[in-house]
Amino acid sequence: MLICRRHTTRLAAVFLGVCALPAYTAAPSEATTTTAQAAGSDNAPALLEQFHAVSRQTEIAHLYNQHLQALLNSQAAEKKSLEQQLVDVEVTKQEILPLILRMLTSFEQFVQLDKPFLPAERKQRLQQLKDLVVTPDVSTAEKFRRIMEAFQIENEYGKTIEAYKGDIDLNGKKSSVDFLRLGRVSLFYQRLDGSETGYWDSSAKQWQQLSSDYASAIRKGLRIARKETAPDMLIIPVSAPEAAQ
């Protein structure tokens, strides 16, 4: 800004000198007057162009200063917002930890009341969450993310069918069987040799044997779940809807 004012002052002085030249020259000769006028005429376009250039620079500098001021104002507002967010984060941490603990308790109860599919996998996931919650070097955000992820996995079980092998207690003996899970609606088992087929009775909280009439349908369902055959209709017993707990 200082440079612009200095250029402007100098130019103004030059213009005044040019305009006042005839008044301060006492009775010039015709040749002298003609030469001075010609010199003034030659310099005027260059001086005018220089004046316009300085004016443009002044305008650009003014606009740039306005832009900088807007940035400063924006940064000041952002700083104030961040300071408030830091305060809010501390409050949120105090509130979210009890929420995480309640969610963990609900998750454990949900798994215990659900059908006993993939017991080892789900038990391990629950234990990992319990260990995570009491780990001091894990952020609150990470703890919340992991428990939400566990709920999402449980939610996906209700939308899929699955076949897997496992062991269950049948007639007082541990037996290896194939399991067929149909969402969260039904859970079936079938001995590896196909000699026995059954299902989980949620009301009685135990395995019940099915008629051999359903053995073929369960075997077909296992093949569909393993993608060994195309999806098809299955005629199988389905548990009645349970009241919400």
C-alpha atoms as a PDB file:
ATOM      1  CA  MET A   1       0.000   0.000   0.000  1.00  0.00           C
ATOM      2  CA  LEU A   2       2.874   2.318   0.796  1.00  0.00           C
ATOM      3  CA  ILE A   3       4.486   1.608  -2.588  1.00  0.00           C
ATOM      4  CA  CYS A   4       1.250   2.437  -4.355  1.00  0.00           C
ATOM      5  CA  ARG A   5       0.903   5.811  -2.635  1.00  0.00           C
ATOM      6  CA  ARG A   6       4.521   6.709  -3.386  1.00  0.00           C
ATOM      7  CA  HIS A   7       4.078   5.979  -7.124  1.00  0.00           C
ATOM      8  CA  THR A   8       0.828   7.911  -7.227  1.00  0.00           C
ATOM      9  CA  THR A   9       2.396  11.010  -5.626  1.00  0.00           C
ATOM     10  CA  ARG A  10       5.325  11.019  -8.033  1.00  0.00           C
ATOM     11  CA  LEU A  11       3.050  10.692 -11.045  1.00  0.00           C
ATOM     12  CA  ALA A  12       0.862  13.512  -9.826  1.00  0.00           C
ATOM     13  CA  ALA A  13       3.911  15.763  -9.555  1.00  0.00           C
ATOM     14  CA  VAL A  14       4.987  14.913 -13.096  1.00  0.00           C
ATOM     15  CA  PHE A  15       1.581  15.735 -14.494  1.00  0.00           C
ATOM     16  CA  LEU A  16       1.543  19.060 -12.674  1.00  0.00           C
ATOM     17  CA  GLY A  17       4.930  19.943 -14.137  1.00  0.00           C
ATOM     18  CA  VAL A  18       3.815  19.154 -17.612  1.00  0.00           C
ATOM     19  CA  CYS A  19       0.599  21.122 -17.337  1.00  0.00           C
ATOM     20  CA  ALA A  20       2.241  24.167 -15.721  1.00  0.00           C
ATOM     21  CA  LEU A  21       5.176  24.375 -18.098  1.00  0.00           C
ATOM     22  CA  PRO A  22       3.735  27.083 -20.423  1.00  0.00           C
ATOM     23  CA  ALA A  23       2.809  29.330 -17.471  1.00  0.00           C
ATOM     24  CA  TYR A  24       6.345  29.384 -16.002  1.00  0.00           C
ATOM     25  CA  THR A  25       8.084  29.920 -19.362  1.00  0.00           C
ATOM     26  CA  ALA A  26       8.446  33.617 -20.125  1.00  0.00           C
ATOM     27  CA  ALA A  27       7.743  34.455 -23.762  1.00  0.00           C
ATOM     28  CA  PRO A  28       9.257  31.329 -25.350  1.00  0.00           C
ATOM     29  CA  SER A  29      10.185  31.397 -28.970  1.00  0.00           C
ATOM     30  CA  GLU A  30       7.967  29.599 -31.447  1.00  0.00           C
ATOM     31  CA  ALA A  31      10.535  26.835 -31.931  1.00  0.00           C
ATOM     32  CA  THR A  32      11.008  26.311 -28.166  1.00  0.00           C
ATOM     33  CA  THR A  33       7.249  26.153 -27.545  1.00  0.00           C
ATOM     34  CA  THR A  34       6.768  23.633 -30.321  1.00  0.00           C
ATOM     35  CA  THR A  35       9.582  21.413 -28.963  1.00  0.00           C
ATOM     36  CA  ALA A  36       8.186  21.447 -25.389  1.00  0.00           C
ATOM     37  CA  GLN A  37       4.703  20.639 -26.583  1.00  0.00           C
ATOM     38  CA  ALA A  38       6.037  17.773 -28.684  1.00  0.00           C
ATOM     39  CA  ALA A  39       8.017  16.394 -25.714  1.00  0.00           C
ATOM     40  CA  GLY A  40       4.957  16.636 -23.472  1.00  0.00           C
ATOM     41  CA  SER A  41       2.853  14.947 -26.082  1.00  0.00           C
ATOM     42  CA  ASP A  42       5.350  12.062 -26.424  1.00  0.00           C
ATOM     43  CA  ASN A  43       5.568  11.392 -22.665  1.00  0.00           C
ATOM     44  CA  ALA A  44       1.851  11.611 -21.858  1.00  0.00           C
ATOM     45  CA  PRO A  45       0.817   8.140 -23.137  1.00  0.00           C
ATOM     46  CA  ALA A  46       3.648   6.407 -21.224  1.00  0.00           C
ATOM     47  CA  LEU A  47       2.842   8.292 -18.041  1.00  0.00           C
ATOM     48  CA  LEU A  48      -0.848   7.542 -18.402  1.00  0.00           C
ATOM     49  CA  GLU A  49      -0.127   3.830 -18.921  1.00  0.00           C
ATOM     50  CA  GLN A  50       2.106   3.820 -15.838  1.00  0.00           C
ATOM     51  CA  PHE A  51      -0.640   5.518 -13.842  1.00  0.00           C
ATOM     52  CA  HIS A  52      -3.157   2.889 -14.941  1.00  0.00           C
ATOM     53  CA  ALA A  53      -0.729   0.102 -14.036  1.00  0.00           C
ATOM     54  CA  VAL A  54      -0.248   1.506 -10.539  1.00  0.00           C
ATOM     55  CA  SER A  55      -4.003   1.885 -10.146  1.00  0.00           C
ATOM     56  CA  ARG A  56      -4.519  -1.763 -11.078  1.00  0.00           C
ATOM     57  CA  GLN A  57      -1.846  -2.847  -8.592  1.00  0.00           C
ATOM     58  CA  THR A  58      -3.534  -0.796  -5.907  1.00  0.00           C
ATOM     59  CA  GLU A  59      -6.902  -2.403  -6.631  1.00  0.00           C
ATOM     60  CA  ILE A  60      -5.369  -5.917  -6.609  1.00  0.00           C
ATOM     61  CA  ALA A  61      -3.637  -5.215  -3.298  1.00  0.00           C
ATOM     62  CA  HIS A  62      -6.923  -3.974  -1.824  1.00  0.00           C
ATOM     63  CA  LEU A  63      -8.792  -7.119  -2.953  1.00  0.00           C
ATOM     64  CA  TYR A  64      -5.995  -9.357  -1.621  1.00  0.00           C
ATOM     65  CA  ASN A  65      -6.153  -7.616   1.755  1.00  0.00           C
ATOM     66  CA  GLN A  66      -9.903  -8.207   1.857  1.00  0.00           C
ATOM     67  CA  HIS A  67      -9.330 -11.891   1.081  1.00  0.00           C
ATOM     68  CA  LEU A  68      -6.734 -12.212   3.838  1.00  0.00           C
ATOM     69  CA  GLN A  69      -9.080 -10.587   6.330  1.00  0.00           C
ATOM     70  CA  ALA A  70     -11.837 -13.028   5.400  1.00  0.00           C
ATOM     71  CA  LEU A  71      -9.418 -15.924   5.946  1.00  0.00           C
ATOM     72  CA  LEU A  72      -8.405 -14.563   9.334  1.00  0.00           C
ATOM     73  CA  ASN A  73     -12.054 -14.243  10.349  1.00  0.00           C
ATOM     74  CA  SER A  74     -12.745 -17.803   9.202  1.00  0.00           C
ATOM     75  CA  GLN A  75      -9.739 -19.167  11.086  1.00  0.00           C
ATOM     76  CA  ALA A  76     -10.784 -17.369  14.239  1.00  0.00           C
ATOM     77  CA  ALA A  77     -14.268 -18.879  14.020  1.00  0.00           C
ATOM     78  CA  GLU A  78     -12.803 -22.362  13.361  1.00  0.00           C
ATOM     79  CA  LYS A  79     -10.468 -22.025  16.342  1.00  0.00           C
ATOM     80  CA  LYS A  80     -13.389 -21.147  18.571  1.00  0.00           C
ATOM     81  CA  SER A  81     -15.357 -24.120  17.216  1.00  0.00           C
ATOM     82  CA  LEU A  82     -12.461 -26.522  17.832  1.00  0.00           C
ATOM     83  CA  GLU A  83     -12.037 -25.284  21.369  1.00  0.00           C
ATOM     84  CA  GLN A  84     -15.717 -25.967  22.020  1.00  0.00           C
ATOM     85  CA  GLN A  85     -15.430 -29.412  20.410  1.00  0.00           C
ATOM     86  CA  LEU A  86     -12.569 -30.286  22.756  1.00  0.00           C
ATOM     87  CA  VAL A  87     -14.787 -29.421  25.690  1.00  0.00           C
ATOM     88  CA  ASP A  88     -17.640 -31.460  24.201  1.00  0.00           C
ATOM     89  CA  VAL A  89     -15.336 -34.458  23.603  1.00  0.00           C
ATOM     90  CA  GLU A  90     -14.456 -34.640  27.286  1.00  0.00           C
ATOM     91  CA  VAL A  91     -18.153 -34.582  28.187  1.00  0.00           C
ATOM     92  CA  THR A  92     -18.901 -37.225  25.538  1.00  0.00           C
ATOM     93  CA  LYS A  93     -16.182 -39.534  26.875  1.00  0.00           C
ATOM     94  CA  GLN A  94     -17.755 -39.435  30.317  1.00  0.00           C
ATOM     95  CA  GLU A  95     -21.179 -40.268  28.862  1.00  0.00           C
ATOM     96  CA  ILE A  96     -20.186 -42.875  26.264  1.00  0.00           C
ATOM     97  CA  LEU A  97     -18.263 -45.227  28.555  1.00  0.00           C
ATOM     98  CA  PRO A  98     -21.360 -46.161  30.598  1.00  0.00           C
ATOM     99  CA  LEU A  99     -23.215 -46.602  27.293  1.00  0.00           C
ATOM    100  CA  ILE A 100     -20.552 -49.018  26.042  1.00  0.00           C
ATOM    101  CA  LEU A 101     -20.814 -51.053  29.233  1.00  0.00           C
ATOM    102  CA  ARG A 102     -24.613 -51.260  28.897  1.00  0.00           C
ATOM    103  CA  MET A 103     -24.260 -52.311  25.263  1.00  0.00           C
ATOM    104  CA  LEU A 104     -21.786 -55.027  26.232  1.00  0.00           C
ATOM    105  CA  THR A 105     -24.192 -56.381  28.857  1.00  0.00           C
ATOM    106  CA  SER A 106     -27.026 -56.398  26.323  1.00  0.00           C
ATOM    107  CA  PHE A 107     -24.820 -58.146  23.784  1.00  0.00           C
ATOM    108  CA  GLU A 108     -23.940 -60.903  26.245  1.00  0.00           C
ATOM    109  CA  GLN A 109     -27.585 -61.441  27.221  1.00  0.00           C
ATOM    110  CA  PHE A 110     -28.624 -61.511  23.572  1.00  0.00           C
ATOM    111  CA  VAL A 111     -26.107 -64.247  22.726  1.00  0.00           C
ATOM    112  CA  GLN A 112     -27.101 -66.300  25.767  1.00  0.00           C
ATOM    113  CA  LEU A 113     -30.818 -66.179  24.883  1.00  0.00           C
ATOM    114  CA  ASP A 114     -30.275 -66.847  21.168  1.00  0.00           C
ATOM    115  CA  LYS A 115     -30.094 -70.225  19.438  1.00  0.00           C
ATOM    116  CA  PRO A 116     -26.737 -71.919  20.153  1.00  0.00           C
ATOM    117  CA  PHE A 117     -25.155 -71.608  16.710  1.00  0.00           C
ATOM    118  CA  LEU A 118     -21.413 -70.995  16.275  1.00  0.00           C
ATOM    119  CA  PRO A 119     -20.974 -71.062  20.065  1.00  0.00           C
ATOM    120  CA  ALA A 120     -17.158 -70.997  20.110  1.00  0.00           C
ATOM    121  CA  GLU A 121     -16.921 -68.111  17.628  1.00  0.00           C
ATOM    122  CA  ARG A 122     -19.525 -65.976  19.373  1.00  0.00           C
ATOM    123  CA  LYS A 123     -18.114 -66.717  22.837  1.00  0.00           C
ATOM    124  CA  GLN A 124     -14.663 -65.662  21.659  1.00  0.00           C
ATOM    125  CA  ARG A 125     -16.030 -62.419  20.184  1.00  0.00           C
ATOM    126  CA  LEU A 126     -17.786 -61.626  23.463  1.00  0.00           C
ATOM    127  CA  GLN A 127     -14.627 -62.256  25.484  1.00  0.00           C
ATOM    128  CA  GLN A 128     -12.587 -60.055  23.156  1.00  0.00           C
ATOM    129  CA  LEU A 129     -15.060 -57.215  23.717  1.00  0.00           C
ATOM    130  CA  LYS A 130     -14.864 -57.657  27.488  1.00  0.00           C
ATOM    131  CA  ASP A 131     -11.067 -57.505  27.359  1.00  0.00           C
ATOM    132  CA  LEU A 132     -11.148 -54.515  25.021  1.00  0.00           C
ATOM    133  CA  VAL A 133     -13.414 -52.428  27.265  1.00  0.00           C
ATOM    134  CA  VAL A 134     -10.950 -52.592  30.176  1.00  0.00           C
ATOM    135  CA  THR A 135      -7.836 -51.975  28.045  1.00  0.00           C
ATOM    136  CA  PRO A 136      -6.572 -48.454  28.909  1.00  0.00           C
ATOM    137  CA  ASP A 137      -4.562 -47.789  25.738  1.00  0.00           C
ATOM    138  CA  VAL A 138      -7.564 -48.319  23.431  1.00  0.00           C
ATOM    139  CA  SER A 139      -9.519 -45.175  22.618  1.00  0.00           C
ATOM    140  CA  THR A 140     -13.173 -44.802  23.533  1.00  0.00           C
ATOM    141  CA  ALA A 141     -14.006 -44.373  19.854  1.00  0.00           C
ATOM    142  CA  GLU A 142     -12.349 -47.696  18.993  1.00  0.00           C
ATOM    143  CA  LYS A 143     -14.197 -49.491  21.804  1.00  0.00           C
ATOM    144  CA  PHE A 144     -17.513 -48.114  20.561  1.00  0.00           C
ATOM    145  CA  ARG A 145     -16.669 -49.051  16.950  1.00  0.00           C
ATOM    146  CA  ARG A 146     -15.807 -52.630  17.863  1.00  0.00           C
ATOM    147  CA  ILE A 147     -18.968 -53.259  19.871  1.00  0.00           C
ATOM    148  CA  MET A 148     -21.091 -51.788  17.078  1.00  0.00           C
ATOM    149  CA  GLU A 149     -19.270 -54.089  14.655  1.00  0.00           C
ATOM    150  CA  ALA A 150     -20.168 -57.079  16.858  1.00  0.00           C
ATOM    151  CA  PHE A 151     -23.859 -56.089  16.820  1.00  0.00           C
ATOM    152  CA  GLN A 152     -23.677 -55.739  13.031  1.00  0.00           C
ATOM    153  CA  ILE A 153     -22.283 -59.272  12.702  1.00  0.00           C
ATOM    154  CA  GLU A 154     -25.124 -60.608  14.845  1.00  0.00           C
ATOM    155  CA  ASN A 155     -27.601 -58.708  12.694  1.00  0.00           C
ATOM    156  CA  GLU A 156     -26.203 -60.323   9.530  1.00  0.00           C
ATOM    157  CA  TYR A 157     -26.843 -63.793  10.935  1.00  0.00           C
ATOM    158  CA  GLY A 158     -30.558 -63.146  10.592  1.00  0.00           C
ATOM    159  CA  LYS A 159     -30.219 -62.614   6.826  1.00  0.00           C
ATOM    160  CA  THR A 160     -28.172 -65.668   5.844  1.00  0.00           C
ATOM    161  CA  ILE A 161     -28.189 -69.461   5.818  1.00  0.00           C
ATOM    162  CA  GLU A 162     -25.146 -71.440   6.850  1.00  0.00           C
ATOM    163  CA  ALA A 163     -23.855 -75.010   7.091  1.00  0.00           C
ATOM    164  CA  TYR A 164     -20.974 -75.953   9.382  1.00  0.00           C
ATOM    165  CA  LYS A 165     -19.680 -78.897  11.396  1.00  0.00           C
ATOM    166  CA  GLY A 166     -19.543 -79.098  15.176  1.00  0.00           C
ATOM    167  CA  ASP A 167     -20.057 -81.240  18.239  1.00  0.00           C
ATOM    168  CA  ILE A 168     -23.161 -81.507  20.432  1.00  0.00           C
ATOM    169  CA  ASP A 169     -24.289 -83.664  23.334  1.00  0.00           C
ATOM    170  CA  LEU A 170     -26.802 -86.252  22.136  1.00  0.00           C
ATOM    171  CA  ASN A 171     -28.131 -88.810  24.608  1.00  0.00           C
ATOM    172  CA  GLY A 172     -25.301 -88.057  26.991  1.00  0.00           C
ATOM    173  CA  LYS A 173     -22.592 -88.509  24.363  1.00  0.00           C
ATOM    174  CA  LYS A 174     -20.631 -85.956  22.335  1.00  0.00           C
ATOM    175  CA  SER A 175     -21.415 -86.402  18.665  1.00  0.00           C
ATOM    176  CA  SER A 176     -20.037 -84.751  15.520  1.00  0.00           C
ATOM    177  CA  VAL A 177     -22.832 -83.394  13.342  1.00  0.00           C
ATOM    178  CA  ASP A 178     -23.620 -81.043  10.469  1.00  0.00           C
ATOM    179  CA  PHE A 179     -25.497 -77.903  11.479  1.00  0.00           C
ATOM    180  CA  LEU A 180     -27.917 -76.037   9.236  1.00  0.00           C
ATOM    181  CA  ARG A 181     -28.809 -72.501  10.301  1.00  0.00           C
ATOM    182  CA  LEU A 182     -31.692 -70.735   8.553  1.00  0.00           C
ATOM    183  CA  GLY A 183     -31.259 -67.126   9.582  1.00  0.00           C
ATOM    184  CA  ARG A 184     -32.372 -66.942  13.182  1.00  0.00           C
ATOM    185  CA  VAL A 185     -35.547 -68.893  12.500  1.00  0.00           C
ATOM    186  CA  SER A 186     -34.337 -72.484  12.803  1.00  0.00           C
ATOM    187  CA  LEU A 187     -31.232 -74.440  13.713  1.00  0.00           C
ATOM    188  CA  PHE A 188     -30.976 -78.104  12.682  1.00  0.00           C
ATOM    189  CA  TYR A 189     -28.434 -80.851  13.117  1.00  0.00           C
ATOM    190  CA  GLN A 190     -27.804 -84.100  11.295  1.00  0.00           C
ATOM    191  CA  ARG A 191     -25.373 -86.858  12.189  1.00  0.00           C
ATOM    192  CA  LEU A 192     -22.548 -87.209   9.680  1.00  0.00           C
ATOM    193  CA  ASP A 193     -23.876 -90.612   8.595  1.00  0.00           C
ATOM    194  CA  GLY A 194     -27.416 -89.180   8.234  1.00  0.00           C
ATOM    195  CA  SER A 195     -28.818 -91.587  10.835  1.00  0.00           C
ATOM    196  CA  GLU A 196     -30.372 -88.867  13.004  1.00  0.00           C
ATOM    197  CA  THR A 197     -31.784 -85.418  12.352  1.00  0.00           C
ATOM    198  CA  GLY A 198     -33.042 -82.881  14.865  1.00  0.00           C
ATOM    199  CA  TYR A 199     -33.523 -79.230  15.728  1.00  0.00           C
ATOM    200  CA  TRP A 200     -33.034 -76.767  18.590  1.00  0.00           C
ATOM    201  CA  ASP A 201     -36.194 -76.309  20.650  1.00  0.00           C
ATOM    202  CA  SER A 202     -35.994 -72.724  21.945  1.00  0.00           C
ATOM    203  CA  SER A 203     -38.837 -73.142  24.413  1.00  0.00           C
ATOM    204  CA  ALA A 204     -37.355 -76.279  25.975  1.00  0.00           C
ATOM    205  CA  LYS A 205     -33.758 -75.035  25.523  1.00  0.00           C
ATOM    206  CA  GLN A 206     -32.602 -78.401  24.212  1.00  0.00           C
ATOM    207  CA  TRP A 207     -32.097 -80.469  21.061  1.00  0.00           C
ATOM    208  CA  GLN A 208     -35.066 -82.485  19.842  1.00  0.00           C
ATOM    209  CA  GLN A 209     -35.002 -85.351  17.369  1.00  0.00           C
ATOM    210  CA  LEU A 210     -37.007 -85.061  14.162  1.00  0.00           C
ATOM    211  CA  SER A 211     -38.801 -87.725  12.213  1.00  0.00           C
ATOM    212  CA  SER A 212     -36.647 -89.432   9.587  1.00  0.00           C
ATOM    213  CA  ASP A 213     -39.095 -87.980   7.042  1.00  0.00           C
ATOM    214  CA  TYR A 214     -37.191 -84.675   7.279  1.00  0.00           C
ATOM    215  CA  ALA A 215     -33.710 -86.178   6.833  1.00  0.00           C
ATOM    216  CA  SER A 216     -33.702 -85.692   3.051  1.00  0.00           C
ATOM    217  CA  ALA A 217     -34.881 -82.073   3.290  1.00  0.00           C
ATOM    218  CA  ILE A 218     -32.212 -81.172   5.866  1.00  0.00           C
ATOM    219  CA  ARG A 219     -29.530 -82.875   3.769  1.00  0.00           C
ATOM    220  CA  LYS A 220     -30.690 -80.842   0.767  1.00  0.00           C
ATOM    221  CA  GLY A 221     -30.650 -77.671   2.852  1.00  0.00           C
ATOM    222  CA  LEU A 222     -27.044 -78.384   3.855  1.00  0.00           C
ATOM    223  CA  ARG A 223     -26.055 -78.701   0.194  1.00  0.00           C
ATOM    224  CA  ILE A 224     -27.831 -75.447  -0.684  1.00  0.00           C
ATOM    225  CA  ALA A 225     -26.086 -73.614   2.168  1.00  0.00           C
ATOM    226  CA  ARG A 226     -22.717 -74.917   0.947  1.00  0.00           C
ATOM    227  CA  LYS A 227     -23.607 -73.774  -2.596  1.00  0.00           C
ATOM    228  CA  GLU A 228     -23.308 -77.343  -3.844  1.00  0.00           C
ATOM    229  CA  THR A 229     -26.741 -77.154  -5.446  1.00  0.00           C
ATOM    230  CA  ALA A 230     -29.152 -74.465  -6.614  1.00  0.00           C
ATOM    231  CA  PRO A 231     -31.597 -72.897  -4.129  1.00  0.00           C
ATOM    232  CA  ASP A 232     -34.855 -74.789  -3.923  1.00  0.00           C
ATOM    233  CA  MET A 233     -37.958 -75.124  -1.762  1.00  0.00           C
ATOM    234  CA  LEU A 234     -37.531 -77.054   1.497  1.00  0.00           C
ATOM    235  CA  ILE A 235     -40.329 -78.610   3.515  1.00  0.00           C
ATOM    236  CA  ILE A 236     -39.047 -78.467   7.081  1.00  0.00           C
ATOM    237  CA  PRO A 237     -40.527 -77.685  10.521  1.00  0.00           C
ATOM    238  CA  VAL A 238     -40.164 -74.104  11.669  1.00  0.00           C
ATOM    239  CA  SER A 239     -40.410 -72.884  15.238  1.00  0.00           C
ATOM    240  CA  ALA A 240     -43.276 -70.600  16.156  1.00  0.00           C
ATOM    241  CA  PRO A 241     -42.353 -66.918  16.645  1.00  0.00           C
ATOM    242  CA  GLU A 242     -41.071 -66.151  20.142  1.00  0.00           C
ATOM    243  CA  ALA A 243     -42.154 -63.224  22.278  1.00  0.00           C
ATOM    244  CA  ALA A 244     -39.593 -60.394  22.464  1.00  0.00           C
ATOM    245  CA  GLN A 245     -37.357 -60.631  25.507  1.00  0.00           C
END
